[in-house]
C-alpha atoms as a PDB file:
ATOM      1  CA  MET A   1     124.332  -6.435 117.610  1.00  0.00           C
ATOM      2  CA  SER A   2     122.408  -3.436 116.406  1.00  0.00           C
ATOM      3  CA  ASP A   3     118.704  -2.869 116.251  1.00  0.00           C
ATOM      4  CA  ASN A   4     118.753  -4.153 112.681  1.00  0.00           C
ATOM      5  CA  ALA A   5     119.229  -7.676 111.453  1.00  0.00           C
ATOM      6  CA  LEU A   6     122.427  -8.553 109.621  1.00  0.00           C
ATOM      7  CA  ASN A   7     122.280  -7.226 106.071  1.00  0.00           C
ATOM      8  CA  PRO A   8     124.490  -9.589 104.032  1.00  0.00           C
ATOM      9  CA  LYS A   9     124.768  -7.022 101.232  1.00  0.00           C
ATOM     10  CA  LEU A  10     126.280  -4.394 103.538  1.00  0.00           C
ATOM     11  CA  ASP A  11     127.592  -6.146 106.658  1.00  0.00           C
ATOM     12  CA  LEU A  12     130.355  -8.592 107.513  1.00  0.00           C
ATOM     13  CA  GLU A  13     130.173 -10.606 110.711  1.00  0.00           C
ATOM     14  CA  ILE A  14     132.345 -13.105 112.499  1.00  0.00           C
ATOM     15  CA  SER A  15     131.484 -14.958 115.703  1.00  0.00           C
ATOM     16  CA  ARG A  16     133.794 -17.046 117.857  1.00  0.00           C
ATOM     17  CA  LEU A  17     133.633 -18.859 121.135  1.00  0.00           C
ATOM     18  CA  LEU A  18     136.726 -17.711 123.006  1.00  0.00           C
ATOM     19  CA  ARG A  19     138.171 -19.825 125.792  1.00  0.00           C
ATOM     20  CA  ALA A  20     138.884 -16.815 127.972  1.00  0.00           C
ATOM     21  CA  PRO A  21     136.189 -15.687 130.401  1.00  0.00           C
ATOM     22  CA  ARG A  22     134.458 -12.430 129.572  1.00  0.00           C
ATOM     23  CA  ALA A  23     136.139 -10.487 132.400  1.00  0.00           C
ATOM     24  CA  LEU A  24     139.557 -11.231 130.871  1.00  0.00           C
ATOM     25  CA  VAL A  25     138.398 -10.452 127.327  1.00  0.00           C
ATOM     26  CA  TRP A  26     137.071  -7.119 128.589  1.00  0.00           C
ATOM     27  CA  LYS A  27     140.332  -6.455 130.435  1.00  0.00           C
ATOM     28  CA  ALA A  28     142.295  -7.091 127.221  1.00  0.00           C
ATOM     29  CA  TRP A  29     139.985  -4.705 125.351  1.00  0.00           C
ATOM     30  CA  SER A  30     139.730  -1.920 127.922  1.00  0.00           C
ATOM     31  CA  ASP A  31     143.404  -1.101 128.506  1.00  0.00           C
ATOM     32  CA  PRO A  32     145.503   0.310 125.641  1.00  0.00           C
ATOM     33  CA  ALA A  33     148.610  -1.433 126.967  1.00  0.00           C
ATOM     34  CA  HIS A  34     146.778  -4.734 126.481  1.00  0.00           C
ATOM     35  CA  LEU A  35     144.972  -3.774 123.256  1.00  0.00           C
ATOM     36  CA  LYS A  36     148.208  -3.098 121.375  1.00  0.00           C
ATOM     37  CA  GLU A  37     149.321  -6.681 122.041  1.00  0.00           C
ATOM     38  CA  TRP A  38     146.506  -8.318 120.043  1.00  0.00           C
ATOM     39  CA  TRP A  39     144.775  -5.623 117.917  1.00  0.00           C
ATOM     40  CA  CYS A  40     146.228  -6.473 114.505  1.00  0.00           C
ATOM     41  CA  PRO A  41     147.495  -9.715 112.949  1.00  0.00           C
ATOM     42  CA  LYS A  42     151.117 -10.368 113.851  1.00  0.00           C
ATOM     43  CA  PRO A  43     153.790  -9.656 112.721  1.00  0.00           C
ATOM     44  CA  TRP A  44     152.126  -6.256 112.293  1.00  0.00           C
ATOM     45  CA  THR A  45     152.282  -3.991 115.349  1.00  0.00           C
ATOM     46  CA  THR A  46     149.840  -1.484 116.814  1.00  0.00           C
ATOM     47  CA  GLU A  47     150.521   1.928 118.261  1.00  0.00           C
ATOM     48  CA  VAL A  48     147.557   3.150 120.309  1.00  0.00           C
ATOM     49  CA  ARG A  49     147.606   6.910 119.777  1.00  0.00           C
ATOM     50  CA  THR A  50     144.355   7.779 121.548  1.00  0.00           C
ATOM     51  CA  PHE A  51     142.189   5.621 123.777  1.00  0.00           C
ATOM     52  CA  ASP A  52     139.351   7.390 125.594  1.00  0.00           C
ATOM     53  CA  PHE A  53     137.339   4.256 126.336  1.00  0.00           C
ATOM     54  CA  ARG A  54     133.897   5.725 126.900  1.00  0.00           C
ATOM     55  CA  THR A  55     130.870   6.616 124.810  1.00  0.00           C
ATOM     56  CA  GLY A  56     131.955   9.576 122.699  1.00  0.00           C
ATOM     57  CA  GLY A  57     135.652   8.995 123.347  1.00  0.00           C
ATOM     58  CA  ASP A  58     138.357   9.118 120.700  1.00  0.00           C
ATOM     59  CA  PHE A  59     140.048   5.904 119.565  1.00  0.00           C
ATOM     60  CA  HIS A  60     143.049   6.039 117.264  1.00  0.00           C
ATOM     61  CA  THR A  61     145.301   3.144 116.319  1.00  0.00           C
ATOM     62  CA  PHE A  62     148.184   3.109 113.887  1.00  0.00           C
ATOM     63  CA  MET A  63     149.261  -0.253 112.531  1.00  0.00           C
ATOM     64  CA  ARG A  64     152.591  -0.990 110.898  1.00  0.00           C
ATOM     65  CA  GLY A  65     153.770  -4.011 108.952  1.00  0.00           C
ATOM     66  CA  PRO A  66     157.075  -5.787 109.537  1.00  0.00           C
ATOM     67  CA  ALA A  67     158.832  -3.973 106.669  1.00  0.00           C
ATOM     68  CA  GLY A  68     158.028  -0.663 108.348  1.00  0.00           C
ATOM     69  CA  ASN A  69     157.487   1.216 105.091  1.00  0.00           C
ATOM     70  CA  GLU A  70     154.571   3.422 104.041  1.00  0.00           C
ATOM     71  CA  THR A  71     152.909   0.668 102.017  1.00  0.00           C
ATOM     72  CA  GLU A  72     152.535  -1.305 105.247  1.00  0.00           C
ATOM     73  CA  GLU A  73     150.844   1.344 107.366  1.00  0.00           C
ATOM     74  CA  SER A  74     147.239   1.712 108.418  1.00  0.00           C
ATOM     75  CA  ASP A  75     146.108   4.875 110.197  1.00  0.00           C
ATOM     76  CA  ASN A  76     142.742   4.368 111.893  1.00  0.00           C
ATOM     77  CA  PRO A  77     141.225   7.295 113.805  1.00  0.00           C
ATOM     78  CA  ALA A  78     137.752   6.516 115.145  1.00  0.00           C
ATOM     79  CA  VAL A  79     135.230   7.323 117.852  1.00  0.00           C
ATOM     80  CA  PHE A  80     133.521   5.065 120.382  1.00  0.00           C
ATOM     81  CA  LEU A  81     129.778   5.466 119.855  1.00  0.00           C
ATOM     82  CA  GLU A  82     128.899   3.178 122.742  1.00  0.00           C
ATOM     83  CA  VAL A  83     130.817   1.453 125.490  1.00  0.00           C
ATOM     84  CA  THR A  84     128.681  -0.794 127.675  1.00  0.00           C
ATOM     85  CA  PRO A  85     131.019  -2.421 130.203  1.00  0.00           C
ATOM     86  CA  MET A  86     131.562  -6.138 129.791  1.00  0.00           C
ATOM     87  CA  SER A  87     129.119  -6.503 126.909  1.00  0.00           C
ATOM     88  CA  ARG A  88     129.189  -4.090 123.954  1.00  0.00           C
ATOM     89  CA  ILE A  89     131.500  -1.732 122.097  1.00  0.00           C
ATOM     90  CA  VAL A  90     130.403   0.289 119.074  1.00  0.00           C
ATOM     91  CA  LEU A  91     132.923   2.381 117.151  1.00  0.00           C
ATOM     92  CA  THR A  92     133.052   4.149 113.828  1.00  0.00           C
ATOM     93  CA  THR A  93     135.814   5.291 111.523  1.00  0.00           C
ATOM     94  CA  SER A  94     133.393   7.702 109.827  1.00  0.00           C
ATOM     95  CA  LEU A  95     133.726  10.177 112.685  1.00  0.00           C
ATOM     96  CA  GLY A  96     136.806  11.687 114.243  1.00  0.00           C
ATOM     97  CA  SER A  97     137.551  13.656 117.371  1.00  0.00           C
ATOM     98  CA  GLY A  98     134.528  15.560 118.642  1.00  0.00           C
ATOM     99  CA  TRP A  99     132.342  13.360 116.417  1.00  0.00           C
ATOM    100  CA  ARG A 100     133.337  15.446 113.387  1.00  0.00           C
ATOM    101  CA  PRO A 101     132.754  13.688 110.054  1.00  0.00           C
ATOM    102  CA  GLN A 102     136.044  12.597 108.531  1.00  0.00           C
ATOM    103  CA  GLU A 103     137.372  11.118 105.331  1.00  0.00           C
ATOM    104  CA  THR A 104     138.756   7.646 105.868  1.00  0.00           C
ATOM    105  CA  TRP A 105     140.141   4.880 103.724  1.00  0.00           C
ATOM    106  CA  LEU A 106     137.565   2.415 105.089  1.00  0.00           C
ATOM    107  CA  PRO A 107     134.402   4.017 106.469  1.00  0.00           C
ATOM    108  CA  MET A 108     132.572   1.572 108.697  1.00  0.00           C
ATOM    109  CA  THR A 109     130.863   1.101 112.014  1.00  0.00           C
ATOM    110  CA  ALA A 110     131.860  -1.904 114.105  1.00  0.00           C
ATOM    111  CA  PHE A 111     129.728  -3.601 116.731  1.00  0.00           C
ATOM    112  CA  ILE A 112     131.551  -5.862 119.201  1.00  0.00           C
ATOM    113  CA  THR A 113     129.525  -7.932 121.647  1.00  0.00           C
ATOM    114  CA  MET A 114     130.648 -10.267 124.396  1.00  0.00           C
ATOM    115  CA  SER A 115     128.508 -12.698 126.345  1.00  0.00           C
ATOM    116  CA  ASP A 116     129.114 -15.646 128.620  1.00  0.00           C
ATOM    117  CA  GLU A 117     128.936 -19.045 126.980  1.00  0.00           C
ATOM    118  CA  GLY A 118     129.944 -21.944 129.176  1.00  0.00           C
ATOM    119  CA  SER A 119     133.277 -21.062 130.743  1.00  0.00           C
ATOM    120  CA  GLY A 120     134.204 -18.875 127.755  1.00  0.00           C
ATOM    121  CA  THR A 121     133.006 -15.831 125.871  1.00  0.00           C
ATOM    122  CA  ARG A 122     130.876 -15.570 122.761  1.00  0.00           C
ATOM    123  CA  TYR A 123     132.606 -12.760 120.854  1.00  0.00           C
ATOM    124  CA  VAL A 124     130.823 -11.316 117.839  1.00  0.00           C
ATOM    125  CA  ALA A 125     132.191  -8.594 115.580  1.00  0.00           C
ATOM    126  CA  ARG A 126     130.077  -6.988 112.876  1.00  0.00           C
ATOM    127  CA  ALA A 127     131.293  -4.349 110.421  1.00  0.00           C
ATOM    128  CA  LEU A 128     128.635  -2.189 108.751  1.00  0.00           C
ATOM    129  CA  HIS A 129     129.475  -0.528 105.434  1.00  0.00           C
ATOM    130  CA  ARG A 130     127.767   2.284 103.529  1.00  0.00           C
ATOM    131  CA  ASP A 131     127.410   0.301 100.311  1.00  0.00           C
ATOM    132  CA  GLU A 132     128.036  -3.079  98.709  1.00  0.00           C
ATOM    133  CA  ALA A 133     131.300  -1.944  97.109  1.00  0.00           C
ATOM    134  CA  MET A 134     132.819  -1.018 100.499  1.00  0.00           C
ATOM    135  CA  ARG A 135     131.642  -4.299 102.009  1.00  0.00           C
ATOM    136  CA  LYS A 136     133.194  -6.224  99.135  1.00  0.00           C
ATOM    137  CA  GLN A 137     136.442  -4.266  99.375  1.00  0.00           C
ATOM    138  CA  HIS A 138     136.673  -4.997 103.109  1.00  0.00           C
ATOM    139  CA  GLU A 139     135.983  -8.691 102.560  1.00  0.00           C
ATOM    140  CA  GLU A 140     138.562  -8.916  99.760  1.00  0.00           C
ATOM    141  CA  MET A 141     141.133  -7.178 101.973  1.00  0.00           C
ATOM    142  CA  GLY A 142     140.850 -10.217 104.236  1.00  0.00           C
ATOM    143  CA  PHE A 143     138.145  -9.363 106.762  1.00  0.00           C
ATOM    144  CA  PHE A 144     137.493 -12.963 107.809  1.00  0.00           C
ATOM    145  CA  ASP A 145     141.149 -14.024 107.954  1.00  0.00           C
ATOM    146  CA  GLY A 146     142.323 -10.777 109.569  1.00  0.00           C
ATOM    147  CA  TRP A 147     139.578 -10.354 112.140  1.00  0.00           C
ATOM    148  CA  GLY A 148     139.623 -14.105 112.805  1.00  0.00           C
ATOM    149  CA  THR A 149     143.371 -13.984 113.475  1.00  0.00           C
ATOM    150  CA  VAL A 150     142.846 -11.022 115.792  1.00  0.00           C
ATOM    151  CA  MET A 151     140.152 -12.929 117.703  1.00  0.00           C
ATOM    152  CA  THR A 152     142.569 -15.819 118.190  1.00  0.00           C
ATOM    153  CA  GLN A 153     145.250 -13.396 119.397  1.00  0.00           C
ATOM    154  CA  LEU A 154     142.718 -11.724 121.725  1.00  0.00           C
ATOM    155  CA  ASP A 155     141.758 -15.085 123.209  1.00  0.00           C
ATOM    156  CA  GLU A 156     145.377 -16.137 123.759  1.00  0.00           C
ATOM    157  CA  TYR A 157     146.315 -12.760 125.224  1.00  0.00           C
ATOM    158  CA  ALA A 158     143.248 -12.611 127.496  1.00  0.00           C
ATOM    159  CA  LEU A 159     144.054 -16.097 128.820  1.00  0.00           C
ATOM    160  CA  SER A 160     147.556 -14.873 129.687  1.00  0.00           C
ATOM    161  CA  LEU A 161     146.065 -12.192 131.960  1.00  0.00           C
ATOM    162  CA  LYS A 162     144.892 -14.705 134.573  1.00  0.00           C
END
């Protein structure tokens, strides 16, 4: 993931073996038209506002719940810190366009790695938080259920791209 070992006081991590081959998982990740189909747990929807899929590029998603009201909205501007094709994506919500520091409702850095495992893909997502309180808040918001659901949706969507 990163150069540091998992810090259970500050980090959350989920790992899954996806059935889809890595090329299809990458395809689902690397195109905003695909990303919006699996990015947040359904029945929520995703609007991809900015998607400059390169190191230093802007990444901005806006998620909306089925009721469509303000209490079911999540605005998530971020920046890609690293994009290594077919293997690693690092993004942060702590920086905005031009890598300017920004205030955000959930400051974190996410590491996504993909590697071949059998005929599928080992997909690992780690969220790094600035302190234990933010980690706990993210976990209580449903990190494992939410990100796990998204991984399932990613796998199903990637398989449909064959």
